[in-house]
Amino acid sequence: MTTTASRPDVLRYTAFSSDPAGGNPAGVVLDASALDDGEMLAVAAELGYSESAFLTGPPEGLDGPEGRTYRIRYFSPKAEVSFCGHATVAAAVALAERQGPGPLLFATQAGPVPVEVTAAEDGTLRATLTSVEPRVEGVTDADLAEALAALDWPAADLDPAFPPRVAYAGARHLVLAAATRARLADLDYDFGRLEALMHRLDLTTVQLVWRESAALFHVRDPFPVGGVVEDPATGAAAAAFGGYARELGLVPEDAVLTLRQGEDLGRPGELTVTLRAGEARVRVSGAGVRIG
């Protein structure tokens, strides 16, 4: 058991915003080699952020940039998560502040995730992750009805142009599209009921979306299975949504989408989703900055 005196430094960063008061906060431990699973979970619970990232040396056989390849694990306050986009961005920005911008490679439970960090003229760091290959699955009428009942959303409030699906790009998310911005803004759900459904379907979040224009979406992500009501900016869900939108023909095969998230929580953030024709994997990018 690691003592308090020997516990590694826990850094705090926000992702998908250059403002420390925006985006989604994440804890980052750059050397978690002295922590066991229970201790990582305790750190995440103490921070109370939706996820925290814990880095160790690369696993054997992973071929990545020398000195810039790591194993990364993610913990919510309640449990380990297979993949987390905002904590990946936060960790990449933290490393870039110490090593300089450039390529990184993270070994996640879902698979290898390359990240490229660039610096703007004003010094703002921006990270672009490339997801694992996405996939899309159907959802039964009964499970959809249960999700809507937990959200207290009438089925008539859904956008019929965006069929409900479970989308994956490292973690599973139920995608539901609201017909209006007002419907998206009105989120007051049954925490326990939605949590039970999400555990049964192995969902990480529910990705709620509203399309403002051809390439601009507003999104929200309830996250009861992680012990928080809502995730302020969700890179894993953004990647999954990109794969979903492309597979269903809702956007061109070559597209750059903007997802705005966190406005309803007072923590506005922006995620950029890039799709490339002939390439299955999805790119998600955003700024990051240290908190405090």
C-alpha atoms as a PDB file:
ATOM      1  CA  MET A   1       0.000   0.000   0.000  1.00  0.00           C
ATOM      2  CA  THR A   2       1.389   3.411  -0.977  1.00  0.00           C
ATOM      3  CA  THR A   3       1.666   5.816   1.922  1.00  0.00           C
ATOM      4  CA  THR A   4       0.376   9.380   1.703  1.00  0.00           C
ATOM      5  CA  ALA A   5       3.960  10.662   1.812  1.00  0.00           C
ATOM      6  CA  SER A   6       5.012   8.531  -1.165  1.00  0.00           C
ATOM      7  CA  ARG A   7       1.877   8.962  -3.262  1.00  0.00           C
ATOM      8  CA  PRO A   8       2.745  10.321  -6.729  1.00  0.00           C
ATOM      9  CA  ASP A   9       1.774  13.847  -7.704  1.00  0.00           C
ATOM     10  CA  VAL A  10      -1.792  14.165  -8.937  1.00  0.00           C
ATOM     11  CA  LEU A  11      -2.037  16.867 -11.584  1.00  0.00           C
ATOM     12  CA  ARG A  12      -5.275  18.570 -12.589  1.00  0.00           C
ATOM     13  CA  TYR A  13      -5.987  19.509 -16.190  1.00  0.00           C
ATOM     14  CA  THR A  14      -9.049  20.415 -18.186  1.00  0.00           C
ATOM     15  CA  ALA A  15      -9.611  19.126 -21.721  1.00  0.00           C
ATOM     16  CA  PHE A  16     -11.470  20.548 -24.714  1.00  0.00           C
ATOM     17  CA  SER A  17     -10.990  24.110 -23.523  1.00  0.00           C
ATOM     18  CA  SER A  18      -8.107  26.554 -23.117  1.00  0.00           C
ATOM     19  CA  ASP A  19      -9.908  28.080 -20.109  1.00  0.00           C
ATOM     20  CA  PRO A  20      -9.342  26.285 -16.788  1.00  0.00           C
ATOM     21  CA  ALA A  21     -12.984  27.018 -15.927  1.00  0.00           C
ATOM     22  CA  GLY A  22     -14.245  25.289 -19.085  1.00  0.00           C
ATOM     23  CA  GLY A  23     -14.077  21.828 -20.592  1.00  0.00           C
ATOM     24  CA  ASN A  24     -13.850  18.627 -18.602  1.00  0.00           C
ATOM     25  CA  PRO A  25     -11.427  18.332 -15.657  1.00  0.00           C
ATOM     26  CA  ALA A  26      -9.305  15.222 -15.253  1.00  0.00           C
ATOM     27  CA  GLY A  27      -6.721  14.062 -12.785  1.00  0.00           C
ATOM     28  CA  VAL A  28      -3.414  12.979 -14.318  1.00  0.00           C
ATOM     29  CA  VAL A  29      -0.764  10.830 -12.638  1.00  0.00           C
ATOM     30  CA  LEU A  30       2.273  10.720 -14.920  1.00  0.00           C
ATOM     31  CA  ASP A  31       3.950   7.893 -12.989  1.00  0.00           C
ATOM     32  CA  ALA A  32       1.424   5.527 -11.437  1.00  0.00           C
ATOM     33  CA  SER A  33       3.838   2.582 -11.185  1.00  0.00           C
ATOM     34  CA  ALA A  34       3.641   2.628  -7.368  1.00  0.00           C
ATOM     35  CA  LEU A  35      -0.173   2.527  -7.279  1.00  0.00           C
ATOM     36  CA  ASP A  36      -2.333  -0.586  -7.284  1.00  0.00           C
ATOM     37  CA  ASP A  37      -5.865  -0.693  -8.664  1.00  0.00           C
ATOM     38  CA  GLY A  38      -7.495   0.197  -5.356  1.00  0.00           C
ATOM     39  CA  GLU A  39      -5.223   3.186  -4.896  1.00  0.00           C
ATOM     40  CA  MET A  40      -5.913   4.478  -8.395  1.00  0.00           C
ATOM     41  CA  LEU A  41      -9.631   4.179  -7.747  1.00  0.00           C
ATOM     42  CA  ALA A  42      -9.206   6.002  -4.422  1.00  0.00           C
ATOM     43  CA  VAL A  43      -7.362   8.873  -6.112  1.00  0.00           C
ATOM     44  CA  ALA A  44     -10.115   9.164  -8.722  1.00  0.00           C
ATOM     45  CA  ALA A  45     -12.820   9.097  -6.065  1.00  0.00           C
ATOM     46  CA  GLU A  46     -11.041  11.721  -3.984  1.00  0.00           C
ATOM     47  CA  LEU A  47     -10.749  14.050  -6.974  1.00  0.00           C
ATOM     48  CA  GLY A  48     -14.361  13.495  -7.942  1.00  0.00           C
ATOM     49  CA  TYR A  49     -13.797  14.214 -11.627  1.00  0.00           C
ATOM     50  CA  SER A  50     -15.587  12.046 -14.165  1.00  0.00           C
ATOM     51  CA  GLU A  51     -12.263  10.310 -14.950  1.00  0.00           C
ATOM     52  CA  SER A  52      -8.587  10.437 -14.071  1.00  0.00           C
ATOM     53  CA  ALA A  53      -5.660   9.048 -16.082  1.00  0.00           C
ATOM     54  CA  PHE A  54      -2.815   6.925 -14.686  1.00  0.00           C
ATOM     55  CA  LEU A  55       0.334   6.386 -16.757  1.00  0.00           C
ATOM     56  CA  THR A  56       3.072   3.773 -16.534  1.00  0.00           C
ATOM     57  CA  GLY A  57       5.790   2.557 -18.875  1.00  0.00           C
ATOM     58  CA  PRO A  58       4.803   0.950 -22.187  1.00  0.00           C
ATOM     59  CA  PRO A  59       3.897  -2.734 -22.383  1.00  0.00           C
ATOM     60  CA  GLU A  60       6.368  -5.024 -24.094  1.00  0.00           C
ATOM     61  CA  GLY A  61       6.022  -5.243 -27.848  1.00  0.00           C
ATOM     62  CA  LEU A  62       4.294  -1.897 -28.362  1.00  0.00           C
ATOM     63  CA  ASP A  63       6.169   0.006 -31.056  1.00  0.00           C
ATOM     64  CA  GLY A  64       5.773   3.736 -30.472  1.00  0.00           C
ATOM     65  CA  PRO A  65       7.788   6.960 -30.300  1.00  0.00           C
ATOM     66  CA  GLU A  66      10.823   6.448 -28.065  1.00  0.00           C
ATOM     67  CA  GLY A  67      10.294   7.980 -24.637  1.00  0.00           C
ATOM     68  CA  ARG A  68       6.767   9.005 -25.610  1.00  0.00           C
ATOM     69  CA  THR A  69       4.883   5.698 -25.370  1.00  0.00           C
ATOM     70  CA  TYR A  70       2.878   4.791 -22.260  1.00  0.00           C
ATOM     71  CA  ARG A  71       0.320   2.444 -20.848  1.00  0.00           C
ATOM     72  CA  ILE A  72      -2.673   4.479 -19.680  1.00  0.00           C
ATOM     73  CA  ARG A  73      -5.575   3.489 -17.458  1.00  0.00           C
ATOM     74  CA  TYR A  74      -8.686   5.473 -16.602  1.00  0.00           C
ATOM     75  CA  PHE A  75     -10.731   5.467 -13.408  1.00  0.00           C
ATOM     76  CA  SER A  76     -13.999   7.186 -12.614  1.00  0.00           C
ATOM     77  CA  PRO A  77     -14.937   7.673  -8.945  1.00  0.00           C
ATOM     78  CA  LYS A  78     -16.723   4.308  -9.128  1.00  0.00           C
ATOM     79  CA  ALA A  79     -14.825   2.029 -11.492  1.00  0.00           C
ATOM     80  CA  GLU A  80     -12.177   1.590 -14.168  1.00  0.00           C
ATOM     81  CA  VAL A  81     -13.163   2.736 -17.686  1.00  0.00           C
ATOM     82  CA  SER A  82     -11.820   1.116 -20.857  1.00  0.00           C
ATOM     83  CA  PHE A  83     -11.195   4.391 -22.680  1.00  0.00           C
ATOM     84  CA  CYS A  84     -11.624   8.076 -21.894  1.00  0.00           C
ATOM     85  CA  GLY A  85     -11.021  10.790 -24.466  1.00  0.00           C
ATOM     86  CA  HIS A  86     -10.830  13.869 -22.258  1.00  0.00           C
ATOM     87  CA  ALA A  87      -8.380  12.261 -19.825  1.00  0.00           C
ATOM     88  CA  THR A  88      -6.278  11.209 -22.845  1.00  0.00           C
ATOM     89  CA  VAL A  89      -6.148  14.825 -24.024  1.00  0.00           C
ATOM     90  CA  ALA A  90      -5.346  16.001 -20.490  1.00  0.00           C
ATOM     91  CA  ALA A  91      -2.509  13.485 -20.126  1.00  0.00           C
ATOM     92  CA  ALA A  92      -1.115  14.342 -23.570  1.00  0.00           C
ATOM     93  CA  VAL A  93      -1.077  18.060 -22.770  1.00  0.00           C
ATOM     94  CA  ALA A  94       0.589  17.382 -19.411  1.00  0.00           C
ATOM     95  CA  LEU A  95       3.306  15.351 -21.147  1.00  0.00           C
ATOM     96  CA  ALA A  96       3.753  17.959 -23.884  1.00  0.00           C
ATOM     97  CA  GLU A  97       4.373  20.647 -21.264  1.00  0.00           C
ATOM     98  CA  ARG A  98       7.277  18.544 -20.015  1.00  0.00           C
ATOM     99  CA  GLN A  99       8.572  16.899 -23.222  1.00  0.00           C
ATOM    100  CA  GLY A 100       7.411  19.320 -25.906  1.00  0.00           C
ATOM    101  CA  PRO A 101       4.713  18.875 -28.551  1.00  0.00           C
ATOM    102  CA  GLY A 102       4.822  15.900 -30.897  1.00  0.00           C
ATOM    103  CA  PRO A 103       3.591  12.325 -31.221  1.00  0.00           C
ATOM    104  CA  LEU A 104       2.584  10.087 -28.321  1.00  0.00           C
ATOM    105  CA  LEU A 105       1.217   6.571 -28.176  1.00  0.00           C
ATOM    106  CA  PHE A 106      -1.038   5.330 -25.395  1.00  0.00           C
ATOM    107  CA  ALA A 107      -1.771   1.656 -24.783  1.00  0.00           C
ATOM    108  CA  THR A 108      -5.381   1.588 -23.543  1.00  0.00           C
ATOM    109  CA  GLN A 109      -7.576  -1.371 -22.619  1.00  0.00           C
ATOM    110  CA  ALA A 110      -9.404  -0.766 -25.907  1.00  0.00           C
ATOM    111  CA  GLY A 111      -6.204  -0.789 -27.986  1.00  0.00           C
ATOM    112  CA  PRO A 112      -3.378   1.568 -29.031  1.00  0.00           C
ATOM    113  CA  VAL A 113      -4.397   5.227 -29.314  1.00  0.00           C
ATOM    114  CA  PRO A 114      -1.963   7.592 -31.091  1.00  0.00           C
ATOM    115  CA  VAL A 115      -2.040  11.251 -30.057  1.00  0.00           C
ATOM    116  CA  GLU A 116      -0.427  14.261 -31.722  1.00  0.00           C
ATOM    117  CA  VAL A 117       0.102  17.438 -29.670  1.00  0.00           C
ATOM    118  CA  THR A 118       0.657  20.782 -31.370  1.00  0.00           C
ATOM    119  CA  ALA A 119       1.302  24.258 -30.009  1.00  0.00           C
ATOM    120  CA  ALA A 120      -0.379  27.408 -31.337  1.00  0.00           C
ATOM    121  CA  GLU A 121       1.462  30.713 -31.638  1.00  0.00           C
ATOM    122  CA  ASP A 122      -0.028  31.832 -28.330  1.00  0.00           C
ATOM    123  CA  GLY A 123       1.292  28.674 -26.654  1.00  0.00           C
ATOM    124  CA  THR A 124      -2.053  26.889 -26.413  1.00  0.00           C
ATOM    125  CA  LEU A 125      -1.558  23.130 -26.609  1.00  0.00           C
ATOM    126  CA  ARG A 126      -3.977  21.048 -28.641  1.00  0.00           C
ATOM    127  CA  ALA A 127      -4.129  17.260 -28.713  1.00  0.00           C
ATOM    128  CA  THR A 128      -5.592  15.055 -31.430  1.00  0.00           C
ATOM    129  CA  LEU A 129      -6.301  11.427 -30.596  1.00  0.00           C
ATOM    130  CA  THR A 130      -7.026   8.720 -33.150  1.00  0.00           C
ATOM    131  CA  SER A 131      -9.623   6.286 -31.838  1.00  0.00           C
ATOM    132  CA  VAL A 132      -9.713   2.550 -32.139  1.00  0.00           C
ATOM    133  CA  GLU A 133     -11.937   1.351 -34.991  1.00  0.00           C
ATOM    134  CA  PRO A 134     -15.564   2.281 -34.310  1.00  0.00           C
ATOM    135  CA  ARG A 135     -18.643   0.115 -34.672  1.00  0.00           C
ATOM    136  CA  VAL A 136     -22.392   0.658 -34.401  1.00  0.00           C
ATOM    137  CA  GLU A 137     -25.050  -1.681 -33.000  1.00  0.00           C
ATOM    138  CA  GLY A 138     -28.832  -1.598 -32.850  1.00  0.00           C
ATOM    139  CA  VAL A 139     -30.854  -1.061 -29.678  1.00  0.00           C
ATOM    140  CA  THR A 140     -34.046  -2.986 -28.895  1.00  0.00           C
ATOM    141  CA  ASP A 141     -37.388  -1.235 -28.607  1.00  0.00           C
ATOM    142  CA  ALA A 142     -37.603  -2.301 -24.959  1.00  0.00           C
ATOM    143  CA  ASP A 143     -34.171  -0.904 -24.079  1.00  0.00           C
ATOM    144  CA  LEU A 144     -34.918   2.340 -25.913  1.00  0.00           C
ATOM    145  CA  ALA A 145     -38.215   2.677 -24.057  1.00  0.00           C
ATOM    146  CA  GLU A 146     -36.422   2.133 -20.751  1.00  0.00           C
ATOM    147  CA  ALA A 147     -33.784   4.748 -21.584  1.00  0.00           C
ATOM    148  CA  LEU A 148     -36.433   7.301 -22.510  1.00  0.00           C
ATOM    149  CA  ALA A 149     -38.409   6.531 -19.350  1.00  0.00           C
ATOM    150  CA  ALA A 150     -35.283   7.036 -17.219  1.00  0.00           C
ATOM    151  CA  LEU A 151     -34.585  10.340 -18.987  1.00  0.00           C
ATOM    152  CA  ASP A 152     -38.274  11.327 -18.840  1.00  0.00           C
ATOM    153  CA  TRP A 153     -38.117  12.080 -22.576  1.00  0.00           C
ATOM    154  CA  PRO A 154     -41.195  11.396 -24.705  1.00  0.00           C
ATOM    155  CA  ALA A 155     -40.336   9.447 -27.851  1.00  0.00           C
ATOM    156  CA  ALA A 156     -41.899  12.293 -29.853  1.00  0.00           C
ATOM    157  CA  ASP A 157     -39.054  14.558 -28.672  1.00  0.00           C
ATOM    158  CA  LEU A 158     -36.447  12.512 -30.583  1.00  0.00           C
ATOM    159  CA  ASP A 159     -35.097  13.616 -33.960  1.00  0.00           C
ATOM    160  CA  PRO A 160     -36.248  10.940 -36.435  1.00  0.00           C
ATOM    161  CA  ALA A 161     -33.276  11.706 -38.715  1.00  0.00           C
ATOM    162  CA  PHE A 162     -30.903  10.220 -36.107  1.00  0.00           C
ATOM    163  CA  PRO A 163     -31.901   6.630 -35.268  1.00  0.00           C
ATOM    164  CA  PRO A 164     -31.025   5.450 -31.741  1.00  0.00           C
ATOM    165  CA  ARG A 165     -27.954   3.233 -31.786  1.00  0.00           C
ATOM    166  CA  VAL A 166     -25.175   1.993 -29.507  1.00  0.00           C
ATOM    167  CA  ALA A 167     -21.886   3.389 -30.839  1.00  0.00           C
ATOM    168  CA  TYR A 168     -18.373   2.302 -29.880  1.00  0.00           C
ATOM    169  CA  ALA A 169     -14.903   3.782 -30.396  1.00  0.00           C
ATOM    170  CA  GLY A 170     -13.178   2.451 -27.291  1.00  0.00           C
ATOM    171  CA  ALA A 171     -16.263   2.553 -25.044  1.00  0.00           C
ATOM    172  CA  ARG A 172     -19.985   2.001 -25.620  1.00  0.00           C
ATOM    173  CA  HIS A 173     -22.444   4.907 -25.759  1.00  0.00           C
ATOM    174  CA  LEU A 174     -26.173   5.006 -26.477  1.00  0.00           C
ATOM    175  CA  VAL A 175     -26.764   7.786 -29.029  1.00  0.00           C
ATOM    176  CA  LEU A 176     -30.091   9.623 -28.730  1.00  0.00           C
ATOM    177  CA  ALA A 177     -30.864  12.772 -30.720  1.00  0.00           C
ATOM    178  CA  ALA A 178     -33.142  15.510 -29.419  1.00  0.00           C
ATOM    179  CA  ALA A 179     -35.414  17.289 -31.879  1.00  0.00           C
ATOM    180  CA  THR A 180     -34.858  20.689 -30.216  1.00  0.00           C
ATOM    181  CA  ARG A 181     -32.209  22.504 -28.185  1.00  0.00           C
ATOM    182  CA  ALA A 182     -34.794  23.019 -25.441  1.00  0.00           C
ATOM    183  CA  ARG A 183     -35.247  19.244 -25.132  1.00  0.00           C
ATOM    184  CA  LEU A 184     -31.491  18.785 -24.787  1.00  0.00           C
ATOM    185  CA  ALA A 185     -31.275  21.544 -22.181  1.00  0.00           C
ATOM    186  CA  ASP A 186     -33.969  19.965 -20.013  1.00  0.00           C
ATOM    187  CA  LEU A 187     -32.054  17.098 -18.418  1.00  0.00           C
ATOM    188  CA  ASP A 188     -33.388  15.823 -15.088  1.00  0.00           C
ATOM    189  CA  TYR A 189     -33.171  12.061 -15.154  1.00  0.00           C
ATOM    190  CA  ASP A 190     -33.688   9.105 -12.819  1.00  0.00           C
ATOM    191  CA  PHE A 191     -30.077   8.422 -11.788  1.00  0.00           C
ATOM    192  CA  GLY A 192     -30.576   4.910 -10.435  1.00  0.00           C
ATOM    193  CA  ARG A 193     -32.847   3.770 -13.250  1.00  0.00           C
ATOM    194  CA  LEU A 194     -30.523   4.967 -16.000  1.00  0.00           C
ATOM    195  CA  GLU A 195     -27.500   3.564 -14.166  1.00  0.00           C
ATOM    196  CA  ALA A 196     -29.115   0.107 -13.994  1.00  0.00           C
ATOM    197  CA  LEU A 197     -29.880   0.115 -17.724  1.00  0.00           C
ATOM    198  CA  MET A 198     -26.367   1.276 -18.575  1.00  0.00           C
ATOM    199  CA  HIS A 199     -24.789  -1.480 -16.508  1.00  0.00           C
ATOM    200  CA  ARG A 200     -26.990  -4.050 -18.244  1.00  0.00           C
ATOM    201  CA  LEU A 201     -26.047  -2.744 -21.710  1.00  0.00           C
ATOM    202  CA  ASP A 202     -22.389  -2.103 -20.772  1.00  0.00           C
ATOM    203  CA  LEU A 203     -22.670   1.612 -21.599  1.00  0.00           C
ATOM    204  CA  THR A 204     -20.172   4.235 -20.490  1.00  0.00           C
ATOM    205  CA  THR A 205     -22.397   7.257 -21.210  1.00  0.00           C
ATOM    206  CA  VAL A 206     -25.581   8.166 -23.002  1.00  0.00           C
ATOM    207  CA  GLN A 207     -24.659  10.523 -25.852  1.00  0.00           C
ATOM    208  CA  LEU A 208     -27.466  13.069 -26.194  1.00  0.00           C
ATOM    209  CA  VAL A 209     -27.145  15.243 -29.297  1.00  0.00           C
ATOM    210  CA  TRP A 210     -28.912  18.090 -31.073  1.00  0.00           C
ATOM    211  CA  ARG A 211     -27.930  19.150 -34.562  1.00  0.00           C
ATOM    212  CA  GLU A 212     -27.748  22.926 -34.998  1.00  0.00           C
ATOM    213  CA  SER A 213     -26.382  22.864 -38.551  1.00  0.00           C
ATOM    214  CA  ALA A 214     -24.735  20.501 -41.032  1.00  0.00           C
ATOM    215  CA  ALA A 215     -21.501  20.175 -39.044  1.00  0.00           C
ATOM    216  CA  LEU A 216     -22.349  21.675 -35.633  1.00  0.00           C
ATOM    217  CA  PHE A 217     -23.802  19.614 -32.802  1.00  0.00           C
ATOM    218  CA  HIS A 218     -24.574  20.260 -29.143  1.00  0.00           C
ATOM    219  CA  VAL A 219     -24.088  17.239 -26.900  1.00  0.00           C
ATOM    220  CA  ARG A 220     -24.589  16.120 -23.288  1.00  0.00           C
ATOM    221  CA  ASP A 221     -23.496  12.880 -21.613  1.00  0.00           C
ATOM    222  CA  PRO A 222     -25.195  11.496 -18.502  1.00  0.00           C
ATOM    223  CA  PHE A 223     -22.648   9.334 -16.662  1.00  0.00           C
ATOM    224  CA  PRO A 224     -24.303   7.710 -13.630  1.00  0.00           C
ATOM    225  CA  VAL A 225     -22.208   4.540 -13.951  1.00  0.00           C
ATOM    226  CA  GLY A 226     -19.157   6.695 -13.207  1.00  0.00           C
ATOM    227  CA  GLY A 227     -20.722   8.245 -10.140  1.00  0.00           C
ATOM    228  CA  VAL A 228     -21.349  11.682 -11.647  1.00  0.00           C
ATOM    229  CA  VAL A 229     -24.570  13.111 -13.057  1.00  0.00           C
ATOM    230  CA  GLU A 230     -23.030  14.413 -16.272  1.00  0.00           C
ATOM    231  CA  ASP A 231     -19.696  14.410 -18.082  1.00  0.00           C
ATOM    232  CA  PRO A 232     -18.842  17.979 -19.182  1.00  0.00           C
ATOM    233  CA  ALA A 233     -16.925  17.038 -22.376  1.00  0.00           C
ATOM    234  CA  THR A 234     -16.629  13.477 -23.628  1.00  0.00           C
ATOM    235  CA  GLY A 235     -13.958  12.574 -26.172  1.00  0.00           C
ATOM    236  CA  ALA A 236     -14.750   8.851 -26.256  1.00  0.00           C
ATOM    237  CA  ALA A 237     -18.407   9.576 -26.987  1.00  0.00           C
ATOM    238  CA  ALA A 238     -17.401  12.157 -29.613  1.00  0.00           C
ATOM    239  CA  ALA A 239     -15.334   9.515 -31.428  1.00  0.00           C
ATOM    240  CA  ALA A 240     -18.186   7.016 -31.201  1.00  0.00           C
ATOM    241  CA  PHE A 241     -20.633   9.618 -32.490  1.00  0.00           C
ATOM    242  CA  GLY A 242     -18.367  10.385 -35.444  1.00  0.00           C
ATOM    243  CA  GLY A 243     -18.357   6.717 -36.402  1.00  0.00           C
ATOM    244  CA  TYR A 244     -22.130   6.519 -35.933  1.00  0.00           C
ATOM    245  CA  ALA A 245     -22.862   9.621 -38.024  1.00  0.00           C
ATOM    246  CA  ARG A 246     -20.653   8.417 -40.864  1.00  0.00           C
ATOM    247  CA  GLU A 247     -21.951   4.821 -40.901  1.00  0.00           C
ATOM    248  CA  LEU A 248     -25.569   5.995 -41.024  1.00  0.00           C
ATOM    249  CA  GLY A 249     -24.794   8.467 -43.811  1.00  0.00           C
ATOM    250  CA  LEU A 250     -25.703  11.493 -41.695  1.00  0.00           C
ATOM    251  CA  VAL A 251     -22.469  13.299 -42.601  1.00  0.00           C
ATOM    252  CA  PRO A 252     -20.048  12.983 -45.547  1.00  0.00           C
ATOM    253  CA  GLU A 253     -17.265  10.396 -45.412  1.00  0.00           C
ATOM    254  CA  ASP A 254     -14.836  13.332 -45.319  1.00  0.00           C
ATOM    255  CA  ALA A 255     -16.084  15.693 -42.632  1.00  0.00           C
ATOM    256  CA  VAL A 256     -15.029  17.953 -39.787  1.00  0.00           C
ATOM    257  CA  LEU A 257     -17.675  18.167 -37.076  1.00  0.00           C
ATOM    258  CA  THR A 258     -17.807  20.554 -34.129  1.00  0.00           C
ATOM    259  CA  LEU A 259     -19.359  19.303 -30.889  1.00  0.00           C
ATOM    260  CA  ARG A 260     -20.159  21.842 -28.205  1.00  0.00           C
ATOM    261  CA  GLN A 261     -20.588  20.442 -24.744  1.00  0.00           C
ATOM    262  CA  GLY A 262     -20.700  21.688 -21.154  1.00  0.00           C
ATOM    263  CA  GLU A 263     -22.647  24.876 -21.842  1.00  0.00           C
ATOM    264  CA  ASP A 264     -25.575  23.654 -19.743  1.00  0.00           C
ATOM    265  CA  LEU A 265     -23.159  22.932 -16.871  1.00  0.00           C
ATOM    266  CA  GLY A 266     -21.361  26.284 -17.019  1.00  0.00           C
ATOM    267  CA  ARG A 267     -18.195  24.573 -18.313  1.00  0.00           C
ATOM    268  CA  PRO A 268     -18.276  25.178 -22.078  1.00  0.00           C
ATOM    269  CA  GLY A 269     -15.969  23.094 -24.212  1.00  0.00           C
ATOM    270  CA  GLU A 270     -15.458  22.294 -27.873  1.00  0.00           C
ATOM    271  CA  LEU A 271     -14.526  18.999 -29.493  1.00  0.00           C
ATOM    272  CA  THR A 272     -13.489  18.639 -33.130  1.00  0.00           C
ATOM    273  CA  VAL A 273     -14.293  15.320 -34.814  1.00  0.00           C
ATOM    274  CA  THR A 274     -12.489  14.604 -38.090  1.00  0.00           C
ATOM    275  CA  LEU A 275     -13.574  11.848 -40.468  1.00  0.00           C
ATOM    276  CA  ARG A 276     -11.490  10.788 -43.463  1.00  0.00           C
ATOM    277  CA  ALA A 277     -12.747   8.775 -46.408  1.00  0.00           C
ATOM    278  CA  GLY A 278     -11.242   5.305 -46.506  1.00  0.00           C
ATOM    279  CA  GLU A 279     -10.068   5.477 -42.892  1.00  0.00           C
ATOM    280  CA  ALA A 280     -12.275   3.838 -40.275  1.00  0.00           C
ATOM    281  CA  ARG A 281     -10.722   5.414 -37.208  1.00  0.00           C
ATOM    282  CA  VAL A 282     -11.955   8.766 -35.942  1.00  0.00           C
ATOM    283  CA  ARG A 283      -9.879  11.750 -34.869  1.00  0.00           C
ATOM    284  CA  VAL A 284     -10.954  13.859 -31.895  1.00  0.00           C
ATOM    285  CA  SER A 285      -9.095  17.017 -30.986  1.00  0.00           C
ATOM    286  CA  GLY A 286      -9.260  19.816 -28.473  1.00  0.00           C
ATOM    287  CA  ALA A 287      -7.235  22.192 -26.359  1.00  0.00           C
ATOM    288  CA  GLY A 288      -6.103  21.449 -22.832  1.00  0.00           C
ATOM    289  CA  VAL A 289      -4.713  23.467 -19.944  1.00  0.00           C
ATOM    290  CA  ARG A 290      -3.608  22.942 -16.370  1.00  0.00           C
ATOM    291  CA  ILE A 291      -6.010  23.860 -13.582  1.00  0.00           C
ATOM    292  CA  GLY A 292      -4.391  25.931 -10.839  1.00  0.00           C
END
